[in-house]
């Protein structure tokens, strides 16, 4: 899936690489990963955990809003989606008009404590510098109401690097993630108890880890 970091991009801000990559390949990414079917069956499971509506959900790295924000709003939930890509956000506003979408760097977000019943971050943390991920997880825990759910998909092994020709689209993409045990320990330290964990295979022998974690109820 990934290639080693190239000197052409090694000195660039990784967040700019991520932003530009999704700006350039928004439609291509959607086709490559099947927007209508990706994250199945996680979206129905999230809906079941949130029932009955309405709940308030933050989707960090929401992309075009399909399928997560769309499914949530159709079920009567309130959704705030955040993405660093201006193109992704523009498309999300068209595709899911009932949700609220914000173009922002997730690490700069601020919300009042206990704003959300759930926070979703699917394949988002892996595009955030390691030193910022733990801080963001602490903020996410604070944004969740007691008993609220955190659903995230992140790396299974420690790796940082760049693919100079992401998805064959002629633009670079950047990733950084610790191993699953480190992410698990970070979740525990911010009072997010992992209730389910599974390996999600991808490509030839690679994959990610999905965590269902819950903020402790009072």
N, C-alpha and C. Protein backbone atom coordinates (compact mmCIF):
# COMPACT_ATOMS: atom_id res chain seq x y z
N UNK A 1 0.82 -1.20 0.00
CA UNK A 1 0.00 0.00 0.00
C UNK A 1 0.85 1.25 0.00
N UNK A 2 1.97 1.23 0.75
CA UNK A 2 2.78 2.42 0.90
C UNK A 2 4.14 2.23 0.23
N UNK A 3 4.80 3.32 -0.04
CA UNK A 3 6.18 3.31 -0.52
C UNK A 3 7.01 4.17 0.41
N UNK A 4 8.32 3.98 0.35
CA UNK A 4 9.18 4.75 1.24
C UNK A 4 9.11 6.23 0.91
N UNK A 5 9.39 7.05 1.92
CA UNK A 5 9.39 8.50 1.74
C UNK A 5 10.43 8.92 0.71
N UNK A 6 10.06 9.78 -0.21
CA UNK A 6 10.95 10.29 -1.25
C UNK A 6 11.47 11.65 -0.84
N UNK A 7 12.67 11.98 -1.29
CA UNK A 7 13.26 13.26 -0.91
C UNK A 7 12.48 14.44 -1.46
N UNK A 8 11.67 14.23 -2.50
CA UNK A 8 10.90 15.33 -3.06
C UNK A 8 9.87 15.87 -2.09
N UNK A 9 9.38 15.03 -1.20
CA UNK A 9 8.33 15.45 -0.28
C UNK A 9 8.75 15.36 1.19
N UNK A 10 9.93 14.90 1.46
CA UNK A 10 10.34 14.64 2.84
C UNK A 10 10.32 15.89 3.70
N UNK A 11 10.56 17.06 3.11
CA UNK A 11 10.63 18.30 3.88
C UNK A 11 9.31 19.07 3.88
N UNK A 12 8.28 18.56 3.23
CA UNK A 12 7.00 19.25 3.17
C UNK A 12 6.17 18.95 4.41
N UNK A 13 5.26 19.88 4.74
CA UNK A 13 4.34 19.68 5.84
C UNK A 13 3.44 18.49 5.50
N UNK A 14 3.46 17.44 6.32
CA UNK A 14 2.66 16.26 5.97
C UNK A 14 1.17 16.54 5.87
N UNK A 15 0.68 17.49 6.64
CA UNK A 15 -0.74 17.82 6.56
C UNK A 15 -1.09 18.44 5.21
N UNK A 16 -0.14 19.19 4.64
CA UNK A 16 -0.36 19.74 3.30
C UNK A 16 -0.40 18.63 2.26
N UNK A 17 0.46 17.63 2.42
CA UNK A 17 0.43 16.48 1.51
C UNK A 17 -0.90 15.77 1.56
N UNK A 18 -1.42 15.57 2.76
CA UNK A 18 -2.72 14.90 2.92
C UNK A 18 -3.83 15.73 2.30
N UNK A 19 -3.83 17.02 2.59
CA UNK A 19 -4.87 17.90 2.05
C UNK A 19 -4.85 17.91 0.53
N UNK A 20 -3.67 18.10 -0.02
CA UNK A 20 -3.57 18.16 -1.48
C UNK A 20 -3.92 16.82 -2.13
N UNK A 21 -3.54 15.74 -1.47
CA UNK A 21 -3.84 14.43 -2.02
C UNK A 21 -5.33 14.18 -2.13
N UNK A 22 -6.07 14.50 -1.08
CA UNK A 22 -7.52 14.29 -1.13
C UNK A 22 -8.22 15.33 -2.00
N UNK A 23 -7.68 16.54 -2.06
CA UNK A 23 -8.23 17.52 -2.99
C UNK A 23 -8.12 17.01 -4.43
N UNK A 24 -6.97 16.44 -4.76
CA UNK A 24 -6.72 16.01 -6.14
C UNK A 24 -7.45 14.73 -6.49
N UNK A 25 -7.59 13.80 -5.51
CA UNK A 25 -8.07 12.46 -5.84
C UNK A 25 -9.38 12.10 -5.12
N UNK A 26 -10.18 13.10 -4.79
CA UNK A 26 -11.42 12.83 -4.08
C UNK A 26 -12.29 11.81 -4.81
N UNK A 27 -12.56 12.04 -6.06
CA UNK A 27 -13.43 11.14 -6.83
C UNK A 27 -12.73 9.81 -7.07
N UNK A 28 -11.45 9.85 -7.38
CA UNK A 28 -10.69 8.63 -7.64
C UNK A 28 -10.65 7.75 -6.39
N UNK A 29 -10.44 8.35 -5.24
CA UNK A 29 -10.42 7.62 -3.97
C UNK A 29 -11.76 6.94 -3.72
N UNK A 30 -12.82 7.68 -3.97
CA UNK A 30 -14.17 7.16 -3.75
C UNK A 30 -14.42 5.93 -4.62
N UNK A 31 -13.99 5.99 -5.86
CA UNK A 31 -14.17 4.85 -6.77
C UNK A 31 -13.28 3.68 -6.37
N UNK A 32 -12.05 3.97 -5.95
CA UNK A 32 -11.10 2.91 -5.62
C UNK A 32 -11.55 2.11 -4.41
N UNK A 33 -12.19 2.77 -3.45
CA UNK A 33 -12.56 2.10 -2.21
C UNK A 33 -14.06 1.85 -2.09
N UNK A 34 -14.85 2.18 -3.11
CA UNK A 34 -16.27 1.85 -3.11
C UNK A 34 -17.05 2.59 -2.04
N UNK A 35 -17.36 3.84 -2.29
CA UNK A 35 -17.98 4.68 -1.27
C UNK A 35 -19.30 4.12 -0.75
N UNK A 36 -20.03 3.42 -1.61
CA UNK A 36 -21.34 2.91 -1.18
C UNK A 36 -21.21 1.69 -0.27
N UNK A 37 -20.10 1.00 -0.33
CA UNK A 37 -19.96 -0.25 0.43
C UNK A 37 -18.87 -0.20 1.50
N UNK A 38 -17.99 0.81 1.46
CA UNK A 38 -16.93 0.85 2.45
C UNK A 38 -17.51 1.05 3.85
N UNK A 39 -16.81 0.53 4.81
CA UNK A 39 -17.18 0.60 6.23
C UNK A 39 -18.36 -0.32 6.58
N UNK A 40 -18.83 -1.12 5.66
CA UNK A 40 -19.85 -2.10 6.00
C UNK A 40 -19.15 -3.26 6.71
N UNK A 41 -19.68 -3.77 7.84
CA UNK A 41 -20.97 -3.41 8.45
C UNK A 41 -20.85 -2.43 9.60
N UNK A 42 -19.79 -1.62 9.63
CA UNK A 42 -19.57 -0.74 10.78
C UNK A 42 -20.65 0.31 10.92
N UNK A 43 -21.12 0.85 9.80
CA UNK A 43 -22.14 1.90 9.88
C UNK A 43 -23.44 1.37 10.48
N UNK A 44 -23.97 0.23 10.03
CA UNK A 44 -25.18 -0.31 10.69
C UNK A 44 -24.96 -0.59 12.18
N UNK A 45 -23.75 -1.06 12.52
CA UNK A 45 -23.48 -1.34 13.93
C UNK A 45 -23.46 -0.05 14.74
N UNK A 46 -22.90 1.01 14.17
CA UNK A 46 -22.92 2.30 14.86
C UNK A 46 -24.35 2.78 15.06
N UNK A 47 -25.17 2.65 14.04
CA UNK A 47 -26.57 3.04 14.15
C UNK A 47 -27.27 2.27 15.26
N UNK A 48 -26.98 0.99 15.36
CA UNK A 48 -27.60 0.16 16.40
C UNK A 48 -27.16 0.61 17.79
N UNK A 49 -25.90 1.00 17.93
CA UNK A 49 -25.40 1.43 19.23
C UNK A 49 -25.95 2.80 19.62
N UNK A 50 -26.34 3.60 18.63
CA UNK A 50 -26.85 4.94 18.91
C UNK A 50 -28.37 4.99 19.08
N UNK A 51 -29.05 3.93 18.71
CA UNK A 51 -30.51 3.94 18.77
C UNK A 51 -30.99 4.18 20.19
N UNK A 52 -32.12 4.87 20.38
CA UNK A 52 -32.91 5.54 19.34
C UNK A 52 -32.37 6.94 19.05
N UNK A 53 -32.73 7.48 17.88
CA UNK A 53 -32.33 8.84 17.49
C UNK A 53 -33.16 9.85 18.29
N UNK A 54 -32.69 11.12 18.41
CA UNK A 54 -31.48 11.62 17.76
C UNK A 54 -30.27 11.63 18.70
N UNK A 55 -29.13 11.35 18.16
CA UNK A 55 -27.86 11.53 18.83
C UNK A 55 -27.05 12.56 18.04
N UNK A 56 -26.00 13.07 18.66
CA UNK A 56 -25.12 14.02 18.00
C UNK A 56 -23.78 13.36 17.80
N UNK A 57 -23.30 13.34 16.54
CA UNK A 57 -22.11 12.58 16.18
C UNK A 57 -21.10 13.48 15.47
N UNK A 58 -19.84 13.34 15.84
CA UNK A 58 -18.75 14.02 15.16
C UNK A 58 -18.03 13.01 14.28
N UNK A 59 -17.91 13.33 12.98
CA UNK A 59 -17.19 12.48 12.04
C UNK A 59 -15.89 13.18 11.65
N UNK A 60 -14.78 12.72 12.23
CA UNK A 60 -13.48 13.33 12.02
C UNK A 60 -12.83 12.67 10.80
N UNK A 61 -12.53 13.47 9.79
CA UNK A 61 -12.05 12.92 8.54
C UNK A 61 -13.22 12.34 7.76
N UNK A 62 -14.26 13.15 7.62
CA UNK A 62 -15.54 12.70 7.09
C UNK A 62 -15.53 12.44 5.60
N UNK A 63 -14.51 12.95 4.88
CA UNK A 63 -14.50 12.79 3.44
C UNK A 63 -15.72 13.42 2.79
N UNK A 64 -16.35 12.70 1.88
CA UNK A 64 -17.53 13.21 1.18
C UNK A 64 -18.83 13.00 1.96
N UNK A 65 -18.72 12.46 3.16
CA UNK A 65 -19.92 12.22 3.97
C UNK A 65 -20.62 10.91 3.65
N UNK A 66 -20.10 10.16 2.69
CA UNK A 66 -20.69 8.89 2.28
C UNK A 66 -19.72 7.76 2.63
N UNK A 67 -20.18 6.76 3.38
CA UNK A 67 -21.58 6.53 3.75
C UNK A 67 -21.96 6.97 5.16
N UNK A 68 -20.97 7.33 6.01
CA UNK A 68 -21.25 7.47 7.44
C UNK A 68 -22.21 8.62 7.74
N UNK A 69 -21.85 9.85 7.37
CA UNK A 69 -22.72 10.99 7.68
C UNK A 69 -24.08 10.84 7.03
N UNK A 70 -24.11 10.34 5.82
CA UNK A 70 -25.39 10.15 5.14
C UNK A 70 -26.29 9.17 5.88
N UNK A 71 -25.73 8.03 6.27
CA UNK A 71 -26.53 7.03 6.97
C UNK A 71 -27.03 7.55 8.32
N UNK A 72 -26.18 8.29 9.01
CA UNK A 72 -26.57 8.83 10.32
C UNK A 72 -27.68 9.86 10.19
N UNK A 73 -27.56 10.77 9.24
CA UNK A 73 -28.60 11.80 9.09
C UNK A 73 -29.91 11.18 8.61
N UNK A 74 -29.84 10.19 7.74
CA UNK A 74 -31.05 9.53 7.28
C UNK A 74 -31.77 8.81 8.42
N UNK A 75 -31.02 8.41 9.44
CA UNK A 75 -31.61 7.75 10.61
C UNK A 75 -32.08 8.75 11.66
N UNK A 76 -31.90 10.05 11.39
CA UNK A 76 -32.40 11.08 12.29
C UNK A 76 -31.39 11.64 13.26
N UNK A 77 -30.10 11.28 13.10
CA UNK A 77 -29.07 11.81 13.98
C UNK A 77 -28.51 13.13 13.46
N UNK A 78 -27.94 13.90 14.36
CA UNK A 78 -27.29 15.16 14.00
C UNK A 78 -25.80 14.89 13.80
N UNK A 79 -25.24 15.37 12.70
CA UNK A 79 -23.85 15.05 12.37
C UNK A 79 -23.06 16.32 12.08
N UNK A 80 -21.87 16.39 12.67
CA UNK A 80 -20.89 17.40 12.31
C UNK A 80 -19.72 16.66 11.68
N UNK A 81 -19.42 16.97 10.43
CA UNK A 81 -18.31 16.33 9.74
C UNK A 81 -17.17 17.31 9.55
N UNK A 82 -15.95 16.83 9.75
CA UNK A 82 -14.76 17.68 9.64
C UNK A 82 -13.76 16.99 8.72
N UNK A 83 -13.17 17.74 7.81
CA UNK A 83 -12.14 17.18 6.94
C UNK A 83 -11.17 18.29 6.55
N UNK A 84 -9.92 17.91 6.33
CA UNK A 84 -8.89 18.89 5.97
C UNK A 84 -8.96 19.29 4.50
N UNK A 85 -9.66 18.49 3.70
CA UNK A 85 -9.73 18.72 2.26
C UNK A 85 -10.93 19.59 1.89
N UNK A 86 -10.65 20.69 1.22
CA UNK A 86 -11.72 21.59 0.79
C UNK A 86 -12.62 20.91 -0.24
N UNK A 87 -12.02 20.11 -1.12
CA UNK A 87 -12.81 19.40 -2.14
C UNK A 87 -13.73 18.38 -1.50
N UNK A 88 -13.22 17.63 -0.54
CA UNK A 88 -14.04 16.64 0.14
C UNK A 88 -15.23 17.30 0.85
N UNK A 89 -14.98 18.40 1.52
CA UNK A 89 -16.04 19.10 2.24
C UNK A 89 -17.07 19.67 1.28
N UNK A 90 -16.64 20.23 0.16
CA UNK A 90 -17.58 20.77 -0.82
C UNK A 90 -18.48 19.67 -1.35
N UNK A 91 -17.92 18.53 -1.62
CA UNK A 91 -18.72 17.40 -2.12
C UNK A 91 -19.65 16.88 -1.02
N UNK A 92 -19.18 16.85 0.22
CA UNK A 92 -20.02 16.38 1.33
C UNK A 92 -21.25 17.27 1.50
N UNK A 93 -21.07 18.57 1.36
CA UNK A 93 -22.20 19.49 1.52
C UNK A 93 -23.26 19.26 0.44
N UNK A 94 -22.82 18.83 -0.73
CA UNK A 94 -23.77 18.53 -1.80
C UNK A 94 -24.44 17.18 -1.59
N UNK A 95 -23.66 16.19 -1.15
CA UNK A 95 -24.17 14.83 -1.05
C UNK A 95 -25.00 14.60 0.21
N UNK A 96 -24.67 15.32 1.29
CA UNK A 96 -25.37 15.12 2.57
C UNK A 96 -25.78 16.49 3.11
N UNK A 97 -26.78 17.12 2.52
CA UNK A 97 -27.12 18.50 2.88
C UNK A 97 -27.66 18.67 4.29
N UNK A 98 -28.12 17.59 4.91
CA UNK A 98 -28.69 17.72 6.26
C UNK A 98 -27.64 17.68 7.36
N UNK A 99 -26.40 17.39 7.02
CA UNK A 99 -25.32 17.40 8.01
C UNK A 99 -24.60 18.75 7.96
N UNK A 100 -23.83 19.03 8.99
CA UNK A 100 -23.00 20.23 9.04
C UNK A 100 -21.56 19.82 8.76
N UNK A 101 -20.90 20.50 7.83
CA UNK A 101 -19.53 20.15 7.48
C UNK A 101 -18.61 21.35 7.63
N UNK A 102 -17.43 21.07 8.16
CA UNK A 102 -16.44 22.11 8.45
C UNK A 102 -15.10 21.71 7.84
N UNK A 103 -14.48 22.60 7.08
CA UNK A 103 -13.14 22.36 6.56
C UNK A 103 -12.14 22.82 7.61
N UNK A 104 -11.42 21.86 8.20
CA UNK A 104 -10.49 22.21 9.28
C UNK A 104 -9.49 21.09 9.50
N UNK A 105 -8.37 21.45 10.07
CA UNK A 105 -7.40 20.49 10.58
C UNK A 105 -7.96 19.95 11.89
N UNK A 106 -8.15 18.65 11.98
CA UNK A 106 -8.78 18.05 13.16
C UNK A 106 -8.05 18.37 14.45
N UNK A 107 -6.73 18.59 14.37
CA UNK A 107 -5.96 18.84 15.59
C UNK A 107 -6.20 20.24 16.14
N UNK A 108 -6.90 21.10 15.39
CA UNK A 108 -7.18 22.46 15.86
C UNK A 108 -8.63 22.61 16.34
N UNK A 109 -9.41 21.55 16.31
CA UNK A 109 -10.82 21.64 16.66
C UNK A 109 -11.01 21.93 18.14
N UNK A 110 -12.07 22.68 18.44
CA UNK A 110 -12.48 22.90 19.82
C UNK A 110 -14.00 22.75 19.90
N UNK A 111 -14.45 22.00 20.90
CA UNK A 111 -15.87 21.84 21.18
C UNK A 111 -16.06 21.87 22.69
N UNK A 112 -17.23 22.26 23.16
CA UNK A 112 -17.49 22.19 24.60
C UNK A 112 -17.42 20.74 25.09
N UNK A 113 -17.11 20.54 26.36
CA UNK A 113 -17.10 19.18 26.91
C UNK A 113 -18.46 18.50 26.75
N UNK A 114 -18.41 17.20 26.52
CA UNK A 114 -19.60 16.34 26.47
C UNK A 114 -20.61 16.83 25.43
N UNK A 115 -20.11 17.15 24.24
CA UNK A 115 -20.96 17.62 23.14
C UNK A 115 -21.57 16.47 22.35
N UNK A 116 -20.83 15.34 22.23
CA UNK A 116 -21.22 14.30 21.29
C UNK A 116 -21.55 12.97 21.97
N UNK A 117 -22.48 12.27 21.35
CA UNK A 117 -22.81 10.91 21.79
C UNK A 117 -21.87 9.88 21.16
N UNK A 118 -21.25 10.26 20.04
CA UNK A 118 -20.28 9.38 19.39
C UNK A 118 -19.33 10.22 18.56
N UNK A 119 -18.11 9.72 18.42
CA UNK A 119 -17.11 10.31 17.53
C UNK A 119 -16.58 9.20 16.64
N UNK A 120 -16.53 9.47 15.35
CA UNK A 120 -16.04 8.50 14.37
C UNK A 120 -14.78 9.06 13.74
N UNK A 121 -13.75 8.21 13.61
CA UNK A 121 -12.49 8.61 12.96
C UNK A 121 -11.96 7.41 12.19
N UNK A 122 -12.51 7.17 11.01
CA UNK A 122 -12.15 6.01 10.21
C UNK A 122 -11.03 6.37 9.24
N UNK A 123 -9.86 5.76 9.46
CA UNK A 123 -8.67 6.00 8.63
C UNK A 123 -8.30 7.48 8.62
N UNK A 124 -8.46 8.12 9.77
CA UNK A 124 -8.14 9.55 9.91
C UNK A 124 -6.88 9.76 10.72
N UNK A 125 -6.78 9.08 11.86
CA UNK A 125 -5.60 9.25 12.70
C UNK A 125 -4.32 8.93 11.94
N UNK A 126 -4.39 8.01 10.98
CA UNK A 126 -3.20 7.60 10.25
C UNK A 126 -2.64 8.71 9.36
N UNK A 127 -3.39 9.78 9.17
CA UNK A 127 -2.92 10.93 8.39
C UNK A 127 -2.53 12.10 9.29
N UNK A 128 -2.39 11.85 10.58
CA UNK A 128 -2.06 12.90 11.54
C UNK A 128 -0.71 12.58 12.18
N UNK A 129 0.18 13.56 12.33
CA UNK A 129 1.48 13.28 12.95
C UNK A 129 1.33 12.60 14.31
N UNK A 130 2.22 11.64 14.56
CA UNK A 130 2.16 10.84 15.79
C UNK A 130 2.04 11.72 17.02
N UNK A 131 2.82 12.80 17.07
CA UNK A 131 2.84 13.63 18.27
C UNK A 131 1.50 14.32 18.52
N UNK A 132 0.67 14.44 17.47
CA UNK A 132 -0.63 15.08 17.62
C UNK A 132 -1.76 14.08 17.90
N UNK A 133 -1.53 12.82 17.60
CA UNK A 133 -2.62 11.84 17.73
C UNK A 133 -3.07 11.65 19.17
N UNK A 134 -2.12 11.52 20.07
CA UNK A 134 -2.47 11.31 21.47
C UNK A 134 -3.22 12.51 22.05
N UNK A 135 -2.81 13.71 21.67
CA UNK A 135 -3.51 14.93 22.13
C UNK A 135 -4.94 14.94 21.61
N UNK A 136 -5.11 14.59 20.33
CA UNK A 136 -6.46 14.57 19.75
C UNK A 136 -7.34 13.54 20.43
N UNK A 137 -6.78 12.38 20.76
CA UNK A 137 -7.58 11.37 21.44
C UNK A 137 -8.05 11.87 22.81
N UNK A 138 -7.20 12.61 23.49
CA UNK A 138 -7.60 13.18 24.78
C UNK A 138 -8.75 14.17 24.60
N UNK A 139 -8.68 14.98 23.56
CA UNK A 139 -9.76 15.93 23.29
C UNK A 139 -11.05 15.20 22.92
N UNK A 140 -10.93 14.17 22.10
CA UNK A 140 -12.11 13.40 21.71
C UNK A 140 -12.80 12.82 22.93
N UNK A 141 -12.03 12.28 23.85
CA UNK A 141 -12.62 11.74 25.08
C UNK A 141 -13.40 12.82 25.83
N UNK A 142 -12.85 14.03 25.88
CA UNK A 142 -13.53 15.12 26.57
C UNK A 142 -14.79 15.57 25.86
N UNK A 143 -14.81 15.45 24.53
CA UNK A 143 -15.99 15.86 23.76
C UNK A 143 -17.13 14.86 23.88
N UNK A 144 -16.81 13.63 24.27
CA UNK A 144 -17.84 12.60 24.38
C UNK A 144 -18.61 12.71 25.69
N UNK A 145 -19.90 12.47 25.60
CA UNK A 145 -20.71 12.35 26.80
C UNK A 145 -20.41 11.03 27.49
N UNK A 146 -20.61 10.93 28.80
CA UNK A 146 -20.40 9.64 29.47
C UNK A 146 -21.19 8.53 28.78
N UNK A 147 -20.52 7.43 28.52
CA UNK A 147 -21.15 6.33 27.80
C UNK A 147 -21.08 6.46 26.30
N UNK A 148 -20.52 7.57 25.80
CA UNK A 148 -20.44 7.79 24.35
C UNK A 148 -19.43 6.89 23.69
N UNK A 149 -19.64 6.66 22.40
CA UNK A 149 -18.82 5.72 21.63
C UNK A 149 -17.77 6.45 20.81
N UNK A 150 -16.60 5.81 20.71
CA UNK A 150 -15.56 6.24 19.79
C UNK A 150 -15.22 5.08 18.87
N UNK A 151 -15.41 5.30 17.57
CA UNK A 151 -15.12 4.28 16.56
C UNK A 151 -13.96 4.79 15.71
N UNK A 152 -12.87 4.04 15.66
CA UNK A 152 -11.74 4.47 14.85
C UNK A 152 -11.07 3.28 14.18
N UNK A 153 -10.52 3.55 13.01
CA UNK A 153 -9.69 2.57 12.30
C UNK A 153 -8.31 3.19 12.15
N UNK A 154 -7.29 2.48 12.61
CA UNK A 154 -5.95 3.02 12.59
C UNK A 154 -4.97 1.93 12.20
N UNK A 155 -3.67 2.24 12.25
CA UNK A 155 -2.67 1.29 11.80
C UNK A 155 -2.51 0.11 12.73
N UNK A 156 -2.09 -1.02 12.16
CA UNK A 156 -1.83 -2.21 12.98
C UNK A 156 -0.38 -2.29 13.40
N UNK A 157 0.52 -1.72 12.59
CA UNK A 157 1.93 -1.70 12.92
C UNK A 157 2.48 -0.29 12.80
N UNK A 158 3.59 -0.03 13.49
CA UNK A 158 4.18 1.31 13.47
C UNK A 158 4.81 1.58 12.11
N UNK A 159 4.47 2.74 11.53
CA UNK A 159 5.01 3.10 10.21
C UNK A 159 4.76 4.58 9.93
N UNK A 160 5.73 5.22 9.30
CA UNK A 160 5.56 6.59 8.81
C UNK A 160 6.21 6.67 7.44
N UNK A 161 5.49 7.24 6.47
CA UNK A 161 6.07 7.35 5.14
C UNK A 161 5.11 7.92 4.12
N UNK A 162 5.57 7.96 2.89
CA UNK A 162 4.84 8.60 1.80
C UNK A 162 4.79 7.68 0.59
N UNK A 163 3.64 7.67 -0.07
CA UNK A 163 3.51 7.03 -1.38
C UNK A 163 3.51 8.16 -2.40
N UNK A 164 4.50 8.19 -3.27
CA UNK A 164 4.65 9.31 -4.21
C UNK A 164 3.63 9.29 -5.35
N UNK A 165 2.99 8.14 -5.56
CA UNK A 165 2.01 8.01 -6.64
C UNK A 165 0.78 7.30 -6.09
N UNK A 166 0.12 7.97 -5.17
CA UNK A 166 -0.99 7.36 -4.42
C UNK A 166 -2.12 6.95 -5.37
N UNK A 167 -2.52 5.69 -5.27
CA UNK A 167 -3.60 5.13 -6.07
C UNK A 167 -3.36 5.30 -7.57
N UNK A 168 -2.10 5.48 -7.96
CA UNK A 168 -1.78 5.67 -9.36
C UNK A 168 -2.25 7.00 -9.92
N UNK A 169 -2.57 7.95 -9.02
CA UNK A 169 -3.15 9.22 -9.45
C UNK A 169 -2.17 10.34 -9.65
N UNK A 170 -0.86 10.05 -9.49
CA UNK A 170 0.13 11.07 -9.75
C UNK A 170 0.32 12.10 -8.67
N UNK A 171 -0.17 11.83 -7.47
CA UNK A 171 -0.01 12.77 -6.36
C UNK A 171 0.42 12.00 -5.12
N UNK A 172 1.24 12.60 -4.24
CA UNK A 172 1.70 11.87 -3.06
C UNK A 172 0.66 11.84 -1.93
N UNK A 173 0.82 10.86 -1.04
CA UNK A 173 0.02 10.79 0.18
C UNK A 173 0.93 10.37 1.32
N UNK A 174 0.58 10.82 2.52
CA UNK A 174 1.43 10.62 3.70
C UNK A 174 0.65 9.94 4.82
N UNK A 175 1.32 9.05 5.55
CA UNK A 175 0.71 8.35 6.69
C UNK A 175 1.69 8.31 7.86
N UNK A 176 1.13 8.18 9.05
CA UNK A 176 1.96 7.95 10.24
C UNK A 176 1.09 7.31 11.32
N UNK A 177 1.55 6.19 11.85
CA UNK A 177 0.77 5.55 12.92
C UNK A 177 1.65 4.67 13.79
N UNK A 178 1.32 4.59 15.07
CA UNK A 178 1.99 3.63 15.95
C UNK A 178 1.40 2.25 15.74
N UNK A 179 1.87 1.28 16.49
CA UNK A 179 1.25 -0.04 16.41
C UNK A 179 -0.04 -0.06 17.22
N UNK A 180 -0.80 -1.12 17.05
CA UNK A 180 -2.12 -1.20 17.67
C UNK A 180 -2.04 -1.17 19.20
N UNK A 181 -1.03 -1.80 19.76
CA UNK A 181 -0.93 -1.82 21.22
C UNK A 181 -0.70 -0.43 21.78
N UNK A 182 0.04 0.41 21.06
CA UNK A 182 0.26 1.78 21.51
C UNK A 182 -1.04 2.57 21.46
N UNK A 183 -1.78 2.44 20.36
CA UNK A 183 -3.08 3.13 20.27
C UNK A 183 -4.00 2.66 21.38
N UNK A 184 -4.01 1.37 21.65
CA UNK A 184 -4.85 0.82 22.71
C UNK A 184 -4.48 1.44 24.06
N UNK A 185 -3.20 1.60 24.32
CA UNK A 185 -2.78 2.19 25.60
C UNK A 185 -3.15 3.66 25.67
N UNK A 186 -3.07 4.38 24.55
CA UNK A 186 -3.48 5.78 24.53
C UNK A 186 -4.97 5.91 24.84
N UNK A 187 -5.77 5.04 24.26
CA UNK A 187 -7.21 5.08 24.53
C UNK A 187 -7.49 4.85 26.01
N UNK A 188 -6.81 3.89 26.62
CA UNK A 188 -7.02 3.60 28.03
C UNK A 188 -6.66 4.79 28.91
N UNK A 189 -5.61 5.50 28.55
CA UNK A 189 -5.14 6.62 29.37
C UNK A 189 -6.09 7.81 29.33
N UNK A 190 -6.96 7.88 28.32
CA UNK A 190 -7.91 8.99 28.24
C UNK A 190 -9.34 8.51 28.54
N UNK A 191 -9.43 7.42 29.29
CA UNK A 191 -10.72 6.90 29.77
C UNK A 191 -11.64 6.44 28.65
N UNK A 192 -11.04 5.90 27.59
CA UNK A 192 -11.82 5.28 26.52
C UNK A 192 -11.55 3.77 26.58
N UNK A 193 -12.52 3.05 27.07
CA UNK A 193 -12.36 1.61 27.27
C UNK A 193 -12.67 0.86 25.98
N UNK A 194 -11.71 0.08 25.49
CA UNK A 194 -11.91 -0.69 24.27
C UNK A 194 -12.84 -1.86 24.56
N UNK A 195 -13.98 -1.87 23.88
CA UNK A 195 -14.95 -2.95 24.05
C UNK A 195 -14.87 -3.99 22.94
N UNK A 196 -14.29 -3.59 21.81
CA UNK A 196 -14.10 -4.54 20.72
C UNK A 196 -12.95 -4.07 19.85
N UNK A 197 -12.15 -5.02 19.38
CA UNK A 197 -11.01 -4.71 18.51
C UNK A 197 -10.91 -5.80 17.46
N UNK A 198 -10.70 -5.39 16.20
CA UNK A 198 -10.55 -6.39 15.15
C UNK A 198 -9.57 -5.93 14.09
N UNK A 199 -8.89 -6.90 13.50
CA UNK A 199 -7.97 -6.62 12.41
C UNK A 199 -8.75 -6.56 11.11
N UNK A 200 -8.49 -5.53 10.32
CA UNK A 200 -9.17 -5.34 9.04
C UNK A 200 -8.13 -5.51 7.93
N UNK A 201 -8.12 -6.67 7.25
CA UNK A 201 -7.08 -6.91 6.23
C UNK A 201 -7.23 -5.99 5.04
N UNK A 202 -6.10 -5.66 4.44
CA UNK A 202 -6.09 -4.83 3.24
C UNK A 202 -4.84 -5.14 2.44
N UNK A 203 -5.00 -5.36 1.15
CA UNK A 203 -3.86 -5.62 0.29
C UNK A 203 -3.22 -6.96 0.58
N UNK A 204 -1.93 -7.07 0.28
CA UNK A 204 -1.21 -8.31 0.44
C UNK A 204 -0.55 -8.37 1.82
N UNK A 205 -1.26 -8.93 2.76
CA UNK A 205 -0.72 -9.12 4.10
C UNK A 205 -0.82 -7.93 5.02
N UNK A 206 -1.29 -6.78 4.52
CA UNK A 206 -1.40 -5.60 5.36
C UNK A 206 -2.80 -5.44 5.93
N UNK A 207 -2.99 -4.34 6.62
CA UNK A 207 -4.31 -4.07 7.18
C UNK A 207 -4.27 -3.03 8.27
N UNK A 208 -5.43 -2.81 8.84
CA UNK A 208 -5.61 -1.83 9.89
C UNK A 208 -6.31 -2.49 11.08
N UNK A 209 -6.49 -1.70 12.13
CA UNK A 209 -7.19 -2.20 13.32
C UNK A 209 -8.37 -1.29 13.62
N UNK A 210 -9.51 -1.90 13.84
CA UNK A 210 -10.73 -1.17 14.18
C UNK A 210 -10.96 -1.27 15.68
N UNK A 211 -11.19 -0.13 16.31
CA UNK A 211 -11.48 -0.08 17.74
C UNK A 211 -12.89 0.47 17.97
N UNK A 212 -13.65 -0.23 18.80
CA UNK A 212 -14.87 0.31 19.38
C UNK A 212 -14.55 0.61 20.84
N UNK A 213 -14.51 1.89 21.21
CA UNK A 213 -14.18 2.26 22.59
C UNK A 213 -15.31 3.11 23.16
N UNK A 214 -15.41 3.11 24.47
CA UNK A 214 -16.52 3.83 25.11
C UNK A 214 -16.00 4.64 26.29
N UNK A 215 -16.48 5.87 26.37
CA UNK A 215 -16.11 6.68 27.52
C UNK A 215 -16.86 6.18 28.74
N UNK A 216 -16.16 6.14 29.85
CA UNK A 216 -16.77 5.60 31.07
C UNK A 216 -18.00 6.40 31.46
N UNK A 217 -19.04 5.66 31.82
CA UNK A 217 -20.27 6.29 32.31
C UNK A 217 -20.06 6.71 33.77
N UNK A 218 -20.79 7.72 34.15
CA UNK A 218 -20.65 8.18 35.54
C UNK A 218 -21.40 7.27 36.49
